[in-house]
Amino acid sequence: MTIHMIDNITVTRESVYKGAGWLVVSDPDVLTSFPGALESVVNPAVPADGGTAYELVTGWTSMGPTTEDGITVRRVAEIGDGIPLDQRQTNLDAGEPENWSMELETSLLHTDLDTLNIAWEAGTKRTIAASGTNVAQHSLDLDAPQTFTERMAAVIQEDPSSGKFRVFAFRQTLPQVDSETNVQSKEATGLPYKLTLKADETVQEGSGQFGKIFEED
């Protein structure tokens, strides 16, 4: 799959490109190992078209371009009140973090069936062949699954002046499906998309429990 890192807007029949930041998610059936370098997500040294398009590593799926608001990554530390002690004026360990949480939020512009399927945890995509009563088409089941699909996710960012890459990579993500799409003629049909970024409890502190940020020198 090719992603286009460009600073201007290009309108095609398939998608709208704006800016130099892309969200990609893993296929859990293909990728099982967390990236060890940004080249495990995308290779910045080998543009696919000589300048603006870069090939994703097999197993990563582009979620397409986002709106001009970009991609927000939120990191929150819940501060503890401490433990009150007798005959002491202060609480033990007051002000220390008790819990960390992270989430990612954006609005997608590319709303084909594959993207809708991932964002909405929808169901099975099917091919319907042309016949004497219908045209060739695809359908997407809208199911009510009991579990979410856990995926790795990465935000690929390109410095517009130097062309250097930065990749925010996250180990475990789950979709927060509370989304709506507005079908209209005046504006592109966007799709709000939010992910809970989970800490991997099997990873020791100091090794990136939520993930890592890779930055090209």
N, C-alpha and C. Protein backbone atom coordinates (compact mmCIF):
# COMPACT_ATOMS: atom_id res chain seq x y z
N MET A 1 0.84 -1.19 0.00
CA MET A 1 0.00 0.00 0.00
C MET A 1 0.88 1.24 0.00
N THR A 2 0.48 2.26 -0.73
CA THR A 2 1.24 3.50 -0.85
C THR A 2 0.54 4.61 -0.10
N ILE A 3 1.30 5.41 0.66
CA ILE A 3 0.76 6.60 1.28
C ILE A 3 1.44 7.81 0.67
N HIS A 4 0.71 8.89 0.50
CA HIS A 4 1.22 10.10 -0.15
C HIS A 4 1.43 11.18 0.90
N MET A 5 2.68 11.59 1.12
CA MET A 5 3.01 12.63 2.09
C MET A 5 3.21 13.93 1.33
N ILE A 6 2.16 14.73 1.21
CA ILE A 6 2.23 15.96 0.45
C ILE A 6 1.58 17.09 1.23
N ASP A 7 1.90 18.33 0.86
CA ASP A 7 1.42 19.49 1.59
C ASP A 7 0.26 20.20 0.91
N ASN A 8 -0.08 19.81 -0.30
CA ASN A 8 -1.18 20.46 -0.98
C ASN A 8 -2.36 19.50 -1.08
N ILE A 9 -3.48 19.97 -1.58
CA ILE A 9 -4.68 19.15 -1.70
C ILE A 9 -4.77 18.60 -3.11
N THR A 10 -5.00 17.30 -3.22
CA THR A 10 -5.24 16.67 -4.50
C THR A 10 -6.56 15.92 -4.42
N VAL A 11 -7.49 16.25 -5.28
CA VAL A 11 -8.79 15.61 -5.26
C VAL A 11 -8.85 14.59 -6.39
N THR A 12 -9.15 13.35 -6.04
CA THR A 12 -9.32 12.30 -7.03
C THR A 12 -10.69 11.68 -6.81
N ARG A 13 -11.01 10.68 -7.60
CA ARG A 13 -12.31 10.01 -7.42
C ARG A 13 -12.31 9.17 -6.16
N GLU A 14 -11.14 8.80 -5.65
CA GLU A 14 -11.08 7.87 -4.53
C GLU A 14 -10.86 8.54 -3.19
N SER A 15 -10.13 9.64 -3.14
CA SER A 15 -9.75 10.17 -1.84
C SER A 15 -9.34 11.62 -1.94
N VAL A 16 -9.17 12.23 -0.76
CA VAL A 16 -8.72 13.61 -0.66
C VAL A 16 -7.46 13.60 0.20
N TYR A 17 -6.38 14.16 -0.33
CA TYR A 17 -5.14 14.20 0.43
C TYR A 17 -4.90 15.62 0.93
N LYS A 18 -4.54 15.75 2.22
CA LYS A 18 -4.18 17.06 2.75
C LYS A 18 -3.16 16.86 3.86
N GLY A 19 -2.09 17.62 3.78
CA GLY A 19 -1.13 17.61 4.87
C GLY A 19 -0.18 16.42 4.81
N ALA A 20 0.71 16.35 5.80
CA ALA A 20 1.75 15.33 5.81
C ALA A 20 1.70 14.53 7.09
N GLY A 21 0.55 14.00 7.42
CA GLY A 21 0.42 13.15 8.59
C GLY A 21 -0.59 12.05 8.30
N TRP A 22 -0.21 10.80 8.56
CA TRP A 22 -1.08 9.67 8.21
C TRP A 22 -1.23 8.72 9.39
N LEU A 23 -2.43 8.17 9.52
CA LEU A 23 -2.71 7.15 10.53
C LEU A 23 -2.77 5.79 9.85
N VAL A 24 -2.04 4.83 10.38
CA VAL A 24 -2.08 3.48 9.87
C VAL A 24 -2.32 2.51 11.02
N VAL A 25 -2.97 1.39 10.72
CA VAL A 25 -3.23 0.38 11.73
C VAL A 25 -2.77 -0.96 11.20
N SER A 26 -2.51 -1.89 12.11
CA SER A 26 -1.97 -3.18 11.71
C SER A 26 -3.08 -4.18 11.42
N ASP A 27 -2.76 -5.12 10.56
CA ASP A 27 -3.58 -6.31 10.37
C ASP A 27 -3.10 -7.32 11.40
N PRO A 28 -3.93 -7.63 12.42
CA PRO A 28 -3.44 -8.51 13.50
C PRO A 28 -3.12 -9.92 13.03
N ASP A 29 -3.63 -10.32 11.86
CA ASP A 29 -3.32 -11.65 11.33
C ASP A 29 -1.97 -11.68 10.61
N VAL A 30 -1.43 -10.50 10.31
CA VAL A 30 -0.16 -10.42 9.58
C VAL A 30 0.97 -9.95 10.48
N LEU A 31 0.73 -8.90 11.26
CA LEU A 31 1.76 -8.32 12.12
C LEU A 31 1.55 -8.73 13.58
N THR A 32 2.55 -9.34 14.16
CA THR A 32 2.47 -9.72 15.58
C THR A 32 3.59 -9.12 16.41
N SER A 33 4.61 -8.56 15.75
CA SER A 33 5.75 -7.98 16.46
C SER A 33 5.70 -6.46 16.40
N PHE A 34 5.99 -5.82 17.53
CA PHE A 34 6.02 -4.36 17.59
C PHE A 34 7.22 -3.84 16.81
N PRO A 35 7.08 -2.70 16.12
CA PRO A 35 8.19 -2.16 15.31
C PRO A 35 9.44 -1.90 16.14
N GLY A 36 10.59 -2.24 15.56
CA GLY A 36 11.86 -1.94 16.20
C GLY A 36 12.50 -0.67 15.68
N ALA A 37 11.98 -0.14 14.58
CA ALA A 37 12.48 1.09 13.96
C ALA A 37 11.38 1.61 13.06
N LEU A 38 11.49 2.86 12.63
CA LEU A 38 10.43 3.42 11.79
C LEU A 38 10.34 2.70 10.45
N GLU A 39 11.45 2.07 10.01
CA GLU A 39 11.41 1.29 8.77
C GLU A 39 10.54 0.05 8.89
N SER A 40 10.12 -0.29 10.12
CA SER A 40 9.18 -1.40 10.32
C SER A 40 7.75 -0.97 10.00
N VAL A 41 7.57 0.34 9.79
CA VAL A 41 6.25 0.87 9.42
C VAL A 41 6.28 1.39 7.99
N VAL A 42 7.24 2.25 7.70
CA VAL A 42 7.36 2.85 6.37
C VAL A 42 8.84 3.14 6.13
N ASN A 43 9.29 3.03 4.88
CA ASN A 43 10.69 3.27 4.56
C ASN A 43 10.84 4.66 3.95
N PRO A 44 11.33 5.65 4.72
CA PRO A 44 11.42 7.02 4.20
C PRO A 44 12.49 7.19 3.14
N ALA A 45 13.40 6.22 3.01
CA ALA A 45 14.50 6.36 2.05
C ALA A 45 14.10 5.95 0.64
N VAL A 46 12.94 5.34 0.49
CA VAL A 46 12.54 4.81 -0.82
C VAL A 46 11.16 5.32 -1.20
N PRO A 47 11.06 6.57 -1.68
CA PRO A 47 9.76 7.04 -2.16
C PRO A 47 9.29 6.20 -3.33
N ALA A 48 8.02 5.83 -3.31
CA ALA A 48 7.50 4.95 -4.36
C ALA A 48 7.37 5.66 -5.70
N ASP A 49 7.22 7.00 -5.67
CA ASP A 49 7.05 7.73 -6.93
C ASP A 49 8.13 8.77 -7.14
N GLY A 50 9.23 8.67 -6.37
CA GLY A 50 10.33 9.59 -6.55
C GLY A 50 10.26 10.85 -5.71
N GLY A 51 9.19 11.01 -4.89
CA GLY A 51 9.16 12.23 -4.10
C GLY A 51 8.10 12.32 -3.03
N THR A 52 6.87 11.87 -3.31
CA THR A 52 5.80 12.13 -2.35
C THR A 52 5.12 10.88 -1.80
N ALA A 53 5.30 9.74 -2.44
CA ALA A 53 4.60 8.54 -2.02
C ALA A 53 5.59 7.54 -1.43
N TYR A 54 5.21 6.92 -0.31
CA TYR A 54 6.08 5.98 0.38
C TYR A 54 5.31 4.68 0.62
N GLU A 55 6.00 3.56 0.42
CA GLU A 55 5.36 2.27 0.60
C GLU A 55 5.32 1.89 2.08
N LEU A 56 4.13 1.47 2.54
CA LEU A 56 4.00 0.93 3.88
C LEU A 56 4.55 -0.49 3.90
N VAL A 57 5.06 -0.89 5.06
CA VAL A 57 5.49 -2.27 5.25
C VAL A 57 4.25 -3.17 5.21
N THR A 58 4.39 -4.36 4.66
CA THR A 58 3.28 -5.30 4.58
C THR A 58 2.68 -5.56 5.96
N GLY A 59 1.37 -5.50 6.05
CA GLY A 59 0.69 -5.71 7.32
C GLY A 59 0.12 -4.44 7.92
N TRP A 60 0.54 -3.28 7.39
CA TRP A 60 -0.01 -2.00 7.84
C TRP A 60 -1.05 -1.52 6.83
N THR A 61 -2.15 -0.97 7.33
CA THR A 61 -3.23 -0.47 6.49
C THR A 61 -3.42 1.01 6.73
N SER A 62 -3.41 1.80 5.67
CA SER A 62 -3.63 3.23 5.79
C SER A 62 -5.11 3.51 6.03
N MET A 63 -5.39 4.40 6.98
CA MET A 63 -6.77 4.83 7.22
C MET A 63 -7.11 6.06 6.39
N GLY A 64 -6.21 6.43 5.47
CA GLY A 64 -6.47 7.52 4.55
C GLY A 64 -6.21 8.88 5.16
N PRO A 65 -6.47 9.92 4.41
CA PRO A 65 -6.22 11.29 4.88
C PRO A 65 -7.21 11.70 5.96
N THR A 66 -6.80 12.67 6.76
CA THR A 66 -7.66 13.21 7.81
C THR A 66 -8.06 14.64 7.47
N THR A 67 -8.94 15.21 8.27
CA THR A 67 -9.33 16.60 8.07
C THR A 67 -8.18 17.52 8.46
N GLU A 68 -8.36 18.82 8.25
CA GLU A 68 -7.29 19.78 8.54
C GLU A 68 -6.98 19.88 10.03
N ASP A 69 -7.84 19.33 10.89
CA ASP A 69 -7.55 19.32 12.33
C ASP A 69 -6.49 18.30 12.69
N GLY A 70 -6.17 17.40 11.76
CA GLY A 70 -5.09 16.46 11.98
C GLY A 70 -5.45 15.33 12.93
N ILE A 71 -4.44 14.84 13.63
CA ILE A 71 -4.57 13.69 14.53
C ILE A 71 -4.14 14.13 15.93
N THR A 72 -5.00 13.93 16.90
CA THR A 72 -4.69 14.30 18.29
C THR A 72 -4.34 13.07 19.10
N VAL A 73 -3.16 13.08 19.73
CA VAL A 73 -2.77 12.02 20.65
C VAL A 73 -2.78 12.62 22.05
N ARG A 74 -3.57 12.02 22.93
CA ARG A 74 -3.74 12.56 24.28
C ARG A 74 -3.11 11.62 25.31
N ARG A 75 -2.35 12.17 26.23
CA ARG A 75 -1.69 11.39 27.29
C ARG A 75 -2.03 12.03 28.64
N VAL A 76 -2.59 11.23 29.54
CA VAL A 76 -3.10 11.77 30.81
C VAL A 76 -2.55 10.93 31.97
N ALA A 77 -2.09 11.62 33.02
CA ALA A 77 -1.69 10.97 34.26
C ALA A 77 -2.70 11.34 35.35
N GLU A 78 -3.33 10.33 35.94
CA GLU A 78 -4.24 10.58 37.05
C GLU A 78 -3.41 10.65 38.33
N ILE A 79 -3.51 11.80 39.02
CA ILE A 79 -2.68 12.06 40.18
C ILE A 79 -3.36 11.55 41.44
N GLY A 80 -2.61 10.83 42.27
CA GLY A 80 -3.16 10.28 43.50
C GLY A 80 -3.23 11.31 44.61
N ASP A 81 -4.18 11.11 45.52
CA ASP A 81 -4.34 11.98 46.68
C ASP A 81 -3.42 11.59 47.82
N GLY A 82 -2.75 10.44 47.69
CA GLY A 82 -1.87 9.99 48.75
C GLY A 82 -2.62 9.25 49.84
N ILE A 83 -1.88 8.80 50.83
CA ILE A 83 -2.43 8.05 51.96
C ILE A 83 -2.29 8.91 53.21
N PRO A 84 -3.42 9.30 53.86
CA PRO A 84 -3.31 10.12 55.08
C PRO A 84 -2.69 9.33 56.23
N LEU A 85 -1.77 9.97 56.95
CA LEU A 85 -1.10 9.33 58.09
C LEU A 85 -1.40 10.10 59.36
N ASP A 86 -1.57 9.37 60.47
CA ASP A 86 -1.78 10.00 61.76
C ASP A 86 -0.53 10.77 62.18
N GLN A 87 -0.76 11.90 62.86
CA GLN A 87 0.32 12.71 63.42
C GLN A 87 1.26 13.24 62.35
N ARG A 88 0.69 13.48 61.14
CA ARG A 88 1.51 14.04 60.07
C ARG A 88 0.64 14.99 59.26
N GLN A 89 1.20 16.12 58.82
CA GLN A 89 0.43 17.14 58.13
C GLN A 89 0.24 16.85 56.65
N THR A 90 1.04 15.98 56.06
CA THR A 90 0.96 15.72 54.63
C THR A 90 0.57 14.28 54.36
N ASN A 91 0.12 14.02 53.14
CA ASN A 91 -0.22 12.67 52.72
C ASN A 91 0.99 11.99 52.10
N LEU A 92 1.09 10.71 52.30
CA LEU A 92 2.19 9.94 51.74
C LEU A 92 2.01 9.82 50.23
N ASP A 93 3.04 10.22 49.48
CA ASP A 93 3.06 10.10 48.01
C ASP A 93 1.98 10.92 47.32
N ALA A 94 1.49 11.98 47.95
CA ALA A 94 0.52 12.84 47.28
C ALA A 94 1.14 13.48 46.05
N GLY A 95 0.37 13.56 44.98
CA GLY A 95 0.85 14.16 43.75
C GLY A 95 1.56 13.22 42.81
N GLU A 96 1.71 11.96 43.18
CA GLU A 96 2.34 10.98 42.29
C GLU A 96 1.29 10.37 41.35
N PRO A 97 1.69 9.97 40.15
CA PRO A 97 0.71 9.37 39.22
C PRO A 97 0.25 7.99 39.71
N GLU A 98 -1.06 7.80 39.71
CA GLU A 98 -1.63 6.50 40.06
C GLU A 98 -1.98 5.68 38.83
N ASN A 99 -2.31 6.39 37.75
CA ASN A 99 -2.73 5.68 36.54
C ASN A 99 -2.44 6.55 35.32
N TRP A 100 -1.98 5.90 34.25
CA TRP A 100 -1.73 6.58 32.98
C TRP A 100 -2.73 6.11 31.95
N SER A 101 -3.15 7.02 31.07
CA SER A 101 -4.03 6.64 29.97
C SER A 101 -3.66 7.44 28.73
N MET A 102 -3.92 6.85 27.56
CA MET A 102 -3.66 7.54 26.30
C MET A 102 -4.78 7.22 25.32
N GLU A 103 -5.05 8.17 24.43
CA GLU A 103 -6.04 7.94 23.39
C GLU A 103 -5.67 8.76 22.15
N LEU A 104 -6.21 8.35 21.04
CA LEU A 104 -5.97 9.02 19.76
C LEU A 104 -7.32 9.36 19.15
N GLU A 105 -7.39 10.56 18.55
CA GLU A 105 -8.66 11.01 17.97
C GLU A 105 -8.40 11.75 16.67
N THR A 106 -9.21 11.49 15.67
CA THR A 106 -9.09 12.17 14.40
C THR A 106 -10.42 12.09 13.66
N SER A 107 -10.45 12.66 12.47
CA SER A 107 -11.62 12.54 11.60
C SER A 107 -11.13 12.16 10.22
N LEU A 108 -11.58 11.00 9.75
CA LEU A 108 -11.11 10.45 8.49
C LEU A 108 -11.91 10.99 7.32
N LEU A 109 -11.22 11.22 6.19
CA LEU A 109 -11.90 11.67 4.98
C LEU A 109 -12.14 10.53 4.00
N HIS A 110 -11.32 9.49 4.09
CA HIS A 110 -11.45 8.36 3.17
C HIS A 110 -12.41 7.36 3.80
N THR A 111 -13.62 7.29 3.31
CA THR A 111 -14.65 6.47 3.95
C THR A 111 -15.14 5.37 3.02
N ASP A 112 -14.20 4.61 2.47
CA ASP A 112 -14.60 3.45 1.69
C ASP A 112 -15.01 2.33 2.65
N LEU A 113 -15.46 1.20 2.12
CA LEU A 113 -15.98 0.14 2.98
C LEU A 113 -14.90 -0.47 3.87
N ASP A 114 -13.66 -0.54 3.37
CA ASP A 114 -12.58 -1.10 4.19
C ASP A 114 -12.31 -0.23 5.41
N THR A 115 -12.29 1.09 5.20
CA THR A 115 -12.05 2.01 6.31
C THR A 115 -13.22 2.00 7.29
N LEU A 116 -14.44 2.02 6.78
CA LEU A 116 -15.62 1.93 7.64
C LEU A 116 -15.61 0.64 8.45
N ASN A 117 -15.17 -0.43 7.86
CA ASN A 117 -15.17 -1.71 8.55
C ASN A 117 -14.26 -1.68 9.77
N ILE A 118 -13.06 -1.09 9.62
CA ILE A 118 -12.12 -1.00 10.74
C ILE A 118 -12.61 0.00 11.78
N ALA A 119 -13.04 1.17 11.34
CA ALA A 119 -13.43 2.23 12.28
C ALA A 119 -14.68 1.86 13.07
N TRP A 120 -15.62 1.19 12.42
CA TRP A 120 -16.89 0.85 13.07
C TRP A 120 -16.94 -0.57 13.58
N GLU A 121 -15.83 -1.33 13.43
CA GLU A 121 -15.84 -2.74 13.83
C GLU A 121 -17.11 -3.41 13.27
N ALA A 122 -17.26 -3.29 11.96
CA ALA A 122 -18.55 -3.57 11.34
C ALA A 122 -18.82 -5.06 11.15
N GLY A 123 -18.06 -5.73 10.29
CA GLY A 123 -18.36 -7.12 10.01
C GLY A 123 -17.65 -7.59 8.76
N THR A 124 -18.32 -8.39 7.96
CA THR A 124 -17.72 -9.00 6.79
C THR A 124 -18.02 -8.19 5.54
N LYS A 125 -16.98 -7.95 4.73
CA LYS A 125 -17.16 -7.32 3.43
C LYS A 125 -17.35 -8.41 2.38
N ARG A 126 -18.36 -8.25 1.55
CA ARG A 126 -18.70 -9.28 0.58
C ARG A 126 -18.72 -8.71 -0.84
N THR A 127 -18.42 -9.55 -1.80
CA THR A 127 -18.47 -9.19 -3.21
C THR A 127 -19.74 -9.78 -3.82
N ILE A 128 -20.47 -8.93 -4.53
CA ILE A 128 -21.69 -9.37 -5.22
C ILE A 128 -21.44 -9.18 -6.71
N ALA A 129 -21.43 -10.27 -7.43
CA ALA A 129 -21.14 -10.22 -8.86
C ALA A 129 -22.33 -9.64 -9.63
N ALA A 130 -22.02 -9.07 -10.77
CA ALA A 130 -23.08 -8.54 -11.63
C ALA A 130 -23.93 -9.69 -12.16
N SER A 131 -25.21 -9.40 -12.32
CA SER A 131 -26.14 -10.39 -12.88
C SER A 131 -27.18 -9.66 -13.71
N GLY A 132 -28.18 -10.38 -14.12
CA GLY A 132 -29.23 -9.74 -14.90
C GLY A 132 -30.09 -8.80 -14.10
N THR A 133 -29.99 -8.86 -12.77
CA THR A 133 -30.84 -8.01 -11.91
C THR A 133 -30.06 -6.99 -11.10
N ASN A 134 -28.73 -7.07 -11.06
CA ASN A 134 -27.96 -6.10 -10.27
C ASN A 134 -26.60 -5.86 -10.88
N VAL A 135 -26.02 -4.69 -10.56
CA VAL A 135 -24.67 -4.35 -11.01
C VAL A 135 -23.65 -5.00 -10.07
N ALA A 136 -22.39 -5.05 -10.49
CA ALA A 136 -21.32 -5.54 -9.63
C ALA A 136 -21.18 -4.59 -8.44
N GLN A 137 -21.03 -5.13 -7.24
CA GLN A 137 -21.01 -4.30 -6.04
C GLN A 137 -20.38 -5.05 -4.87
N HIS A 138 -20.21 -4.31 -3.77
CA HIS A 138 -19.75 -4.89 -2.51
C HIS A 138 -20.77 -4.55 -1.43
N SER A 139 -20.81 -5.37 -0.40
CA SER A 139 -21.64 -5.07 0.76
C SER A 139 -20.80 -5.20 2.02
N LEU A 140 -21.19 -4.50 3.07
CA LEU A 140 -20.50 -4.56 4.36
C LEU A 140 -21.53 -4.87 5.44
N ASP A 141 -21.35 -5.99 6.13
CA ASP A 141 -22.25 -6.34 7.22
C ASP A 141 -22.08 -5.35 8.38
N LEU A 142 -23.16 -4.93 8.99
CA LEU A 142 -23.13 -4.10 10.19
C LEU A 142 -23.60 -4.98 11.36
N ASP A 143 -22.64 -5.63 12.00
CA ASP A 143 -22.94 -6.57 13.07
C ASP A 143 -22.80 -5.92 14.44
N ALA A 144 -23.02 -6.69 15.49
CA ALA A 144 -22.85 -6.24 16.88
C ALA A 144 -21.91 -7.22 17.59
N PRO A 145 -20.60 -7.15 17.27
CA PRO A 145 -19.66 -8.12 17.85
C PRO A 145 -19.52 -7.94 19.36
N GLN A 146 -19.16 -9.03 20.03
CA GLN A 146 -19.01 -9.02 21.49
C GLN A 146 -17.64 -8.54 21.94
N THR A 147 -16.68 -8.51 21.02
CA THR A 147 -15.33 -8.04 21.35
C THR A 147 -14.83 -7.14 20.24
N PHE A 148 -13.84 -6.29 20.55
CA PHE A 148 -13.19 -5.44 19.57
C PHE A 148 -11.90 -6.11 19.08
N THR A 149 -11.49 -5.76 17.89
CA THR A 149 -10.23 -6.24 17.33
C THR A 149 -9.10 -5.35 17.82
N GLU A 150 -8.13 -5.95 18.50
CA GLU A 150 -6.97 -5.20 18.98
C GLU A 150 -5.93 -5.09 17.88
N ARG A 151 -5.45 -3.88 17.64
CA ARG A 151 -4.48 -3.63 16.58
C ARG A 151 -3.35 -2.73 17.10
N MET A 152 -2.19 -2.82 16.48
CA MET A 152 -1.18 -1.79 16.64
C MET A 152 -1.57 -0.61 15.76
N ALA A 153 -1.11 0.57 16.11
CA ALA A 153 -1.40 1.75 15.31
C ALA A 153 -0.15 2.62 15.25
N ALA A 154 -0.06 3.42 14.19
CA ALA A 154 1.08 4.33 14.05
C ALA A 154 0.64 5.60 13.36
N VAL A 155 1.18 6.73 13.81
CA VAL A 155 0.98 8.02 13.16
C VAL A 155 2.29 8.40 12.50
N ILE A 156 2.26 8.57 11.17
CA ILE A 156 3.45 8.90 10.40
C ILE A 156 3.43 10.39 10.10
N GLN A 157 4.47 11.09 10.51
CA GLN A 157 4.55 12.55 10.34
C GLN A 157 5.81 12.89 9.57
N GLU A 158 5.67 13.81 8.61
CA GLU A 158 6.81 14.24 7.81
C GLU A 158 7.05 15.72 8.00
N ASP A 159 8.29 16.10 8.30
CA ASP A 159 8.64 17.50 8.41
C ASP A 159 8.59 18.12 7.02
N PRO A 160 7.76 19.16 6.79
CA PRO A 160 7.60 19.70 5.44
C PRO A 160 8.85 20.39 4.91
N SER A 161 9.74 20.83 5.79
CA SER A 161 10.93 21.54 5.33
C SER A 161 12.11 20.60 5.06
N SER A 162 12.29 19.59 5.93
CA SER A 162 13.43 18.70 5.79
C SER A 162 13.08 17.35 5.17
N GLY A 163 11.80 16.99 5.21
CA GLY A 163 11.40 15.68 4.71
C GLY A 163 11.70 14.55 5.67
N LYS A 164 12.18 14.88 6.90
CA LYS A 164 12.48 13.85 7.90
C LYS A 164 11.18 13.27 8.47
N PHE A 165 11.25 11.99 8.84
CA PHE A 165 10.07 11.30 9.33
C PHE A 165 10.09 11.14 10.85
N ARG A 166 8.89 11.18 11.41
CA ARG A 166 8.66 10.80 12.81
C ARG A 166 7.48 9.84 12.83
N VAL A 167 7.61 8.76 13.58
CA VAL A 167 6.54 7.77 13.66
C VAL A 167 6.19 7.55 15.13
N PHE A 168 4.92 7.80 15.48
CA PHE A 168 4.39 7.47 16.79
C PHE A 168 3.79 6.06 16.67
N ALA A 169 4.35 5.09 17.35
CA ALA A 169 3.87 3.71 17.23
C ALA A 169 3.29 3.26 18.57
N PHE A 170 2.12 2.64 18.52
CA PHE A 170 1.41 2.21 19.73
C PHE A 170 1.17 0.70 19.68
N ARG A 171 1.39 0.05 20.82
CA ARG A 171 1.38 -1.41 20.88
C ARG A 171 -0.01 -2.02 20.80
N GLN A 172 -0.95 -1.49 21.57
CA GLN A 172 -2.27 -2.09 21.68
C GLN A 172 -3.32 -0.99 21.61
N THR A 173 -4.22 -1.08 20.66
CA THR A 173 -5.28 -0.08 20.55
C THR A 173 -6.62 -0.76 20.35
N LEU A 174 -7.66 -0.13 20.87
CA LEU A 174 -9.03 -0.60 20.69
C LEU A 174 -9.88 0.58 20.22
N PRO A 175 -10.81 0.37 19.28
CA PRO A 175 -11.65 1.47 18.82
C PRO A 175 -12.67 1.87 19.87
N GLN A 176 -12.94 3.18 19.97
CA GLN A 176 -14.06 3.70 20.75
C GLN A 176 -15.16 4.02 19.75
N VAL A 177 -16.06 3.09 19.56
CA VAL A 177 -17.07 3.26 18.52
C VAL A 177 -18.24 4.07 19.05
N ASP A 178 -18.14 5.37 18.87
CA ASP A 178 -19.22 6.31 19.18
C ASP A 178 -19.11 7.37 18.09
N SER A 179 -19.55 7.03 16.89
CA SER A 179 -19.19 7.78 15.70
C SER A 179 -20.41 7.99 14.83
N GLU A 180 -20.35 9.06 14.06
CA GLU A 180 -21.43 9.33 13.11
C GLU A 180 -20.83 9.86 11.82
N THR A 181 -21.46 9.56 10.71
CA THR A 181 -21.03 10.08 9.42
C THR A 181 -22.18 10.86 8.81
N ASN A 182 -21.88 12.05 8.33
CA ASN A 182 -22.90 12.96 7.81
C ASN A 182 -22.88 12.91 6.29
N VAL A 183 -23.93 12.32 5.72
CA VAL A 183 -24.01 12.18 4.27
C VAL A 183 -24.67 13.43 3.70
N GLN A 184 -23.90 14.22 2.91
CA GLN A 184 -24.41 15.46 2.37
C GLN A 184 -23.64 15.81 1.10
N SER A 185 -24.08 16.86 0.42
CA SER A 185 -23.46 17.24 -0.85
C SER A 185 -22.46 18.38 -0.71
N LYS A 186 -22.51 19.16 0.37
CA LYS A 186 -21.68 20.35 0.47
C LYS A 186 -20.25 20.04 0.88
N GLU A 187 -20.07 19.06 1.74
CA GLU A 187 -18.75 18.77 2.26
C GLU A 187 -18.45 17.28 2.11
N ALA A 188 -17.16 16.93 2.21
CA ALA A 188 -16.79 15.52 2.17
C ALA A 188 -17.41 14.79 3.36
N THR A 189 -17.76 13.54 3.16
CA THR A 189 -18.36 12.74 4.22
C THR A 189 -17.27 12.25 5.14
N GLY A 190 -17.04 12.96 6.24
CA GLY A 190 -16.00 12.60 7.19
C GLY A 190 -16.45 11.53 8.15
N LEU A 191 -15.49 10.94 8.87
CA LEU A 191 -15.78 9.87 9.81
C LEU A 191 -14.94 10.05 11.07
N PRO A 192 -15.52 10.50 12.19
CA PRO A 192 -14.77 10.60 13.44
C PRO A 192 -14.23 9.23 13.84
N TYR A 193 -13.01 9.20 14.33
CA TYR A 193 -12.36 7.93 14.67
C TYR A 193 -11.54 8.13 15.93
N LYS A 194 -11.80 7.30 16.94
CA LYS A 194 -11.09 7.43 18.21
C LYS A 194 -10.60 6.06 18.65
N LEU A 195 -9.37 6.03 19.17
CA LEU A 195 -8.76 4.80 19.65
C LEU A 195 -8.33 4.96 21.10
N THR A 196 -8.58 3.95 21.90
CA THR A 196 -7.97 3.84 23.22
C THR A 196 -6.60 3.21 23.04
N LEU A 197 -5.56 3.87 23.52
CA LEU A 197 -4.19 3.37 23.43
C LEU A 197 -3.85 2.71 24.76
N LYS A 198 -3.68 1.41 24.74
CA LYS A 198 -3.50 0.64 25.97
C LYS A 198 -2.02 0.41 26.27
N ALA A 199 -1.69 0.37 27.54
CA ALA A 199 -0.35 -0.02 27.96
C ALA A 199 -0.26 -1.54 27.97
N ASP A 200 0.82 -2.06 27.42
CA ASP A 200 1.04 -3.51 27.40
C ASP A 200 1.66 -3.89 28.75
N GLU A 201 0.90 -4.62 29.55
CA GLU A 201 1.35 -4.96 30.90
C GLU A 201 2.47 -5.99 30.89
N THR A 202 2.73 -6.62 29.76
CA THR A 202 3.83 -7.58 29.68
C THR A 202 5.17 -6.90 29.39
N VAL A 203 5.13 -5.60 29.08
CA VAL A 203 6.34 -4.84 28.77
C VAL A 203 6.79 -4.09 30.03
N GLN A 204 8.06 -4.18 30.35
CA GLN A 204 8.59 -3.52 31.54
C GLN A 204 8.70 -2.01 31.34
N GLU A 205 8.57 -1.27 32.44
CA GLU A 205 8.78 0.17 32.39
C GLU A 205 10.21 0.45 31.92
N GLY A 206 10.32 1.41 31.02
CA GLY A 206 11.62 1.70 30.42
C GLY A 206 11.75 1.13 29.02
N SER A 207 10.75 0.35 28.60
CA SER A 207 10.78 -0.24 27.27
C SER A 207 9.61 0.20 26.41
N GLY A 208 8.87 1.21 26.88
CA GLY A 208 7.76 1.74 26.09
C GLY A 208 6.50 0.92 26.23
N GLN A 209 5.83 1.01 27.37
CA GLN A 209 4.65 0.18 27.61
C GLN A 209 3.49 0.55 26.69
N PHE A 210 3.32 1.83 26.40
CA PHE A 210 2.30 2.26 25.44
C PHE A 210 2.81 2.12 24.00
N GLY A 211 4.08 2.39 23.81
CA GLY A 211 4.66 2.35 22.47
C GLY A 211 5.94 3.14 22.44
N LYS A 212 6.30 3.63 21.25
CA LYS A 212 7.53 4.39 21.07
C LYS A 212 7.33 5.48 20.02
N ILE A 213 8.20 6.47 20.06
CA ILE A 213 8.27 7.49 19.01
C ILE A 213 9.62 7.33 18.33
N PHE A 214 9.58 7.09 17.01
CA PHE A 214 10.82 6.99 16.23
C PHE A 214 10.95 8.28 15.41
N GLU A 215 12.16 8.87 15.43
CA GLU A 215 12.39 10.12 14.71
C GLU A 215 13.67 10.01 13.90
N GLU A 216 13.56 10.34 12.62
CA GLU A 216 14.71 10.28 11.71
C GLU A 216 15.68 11.42 12.02
N ASP A 217 16.98 11.11 12.11
CA ASP A 217 18.01 12.12 12.38
C ASP A 217 18.30 12.93 11.11
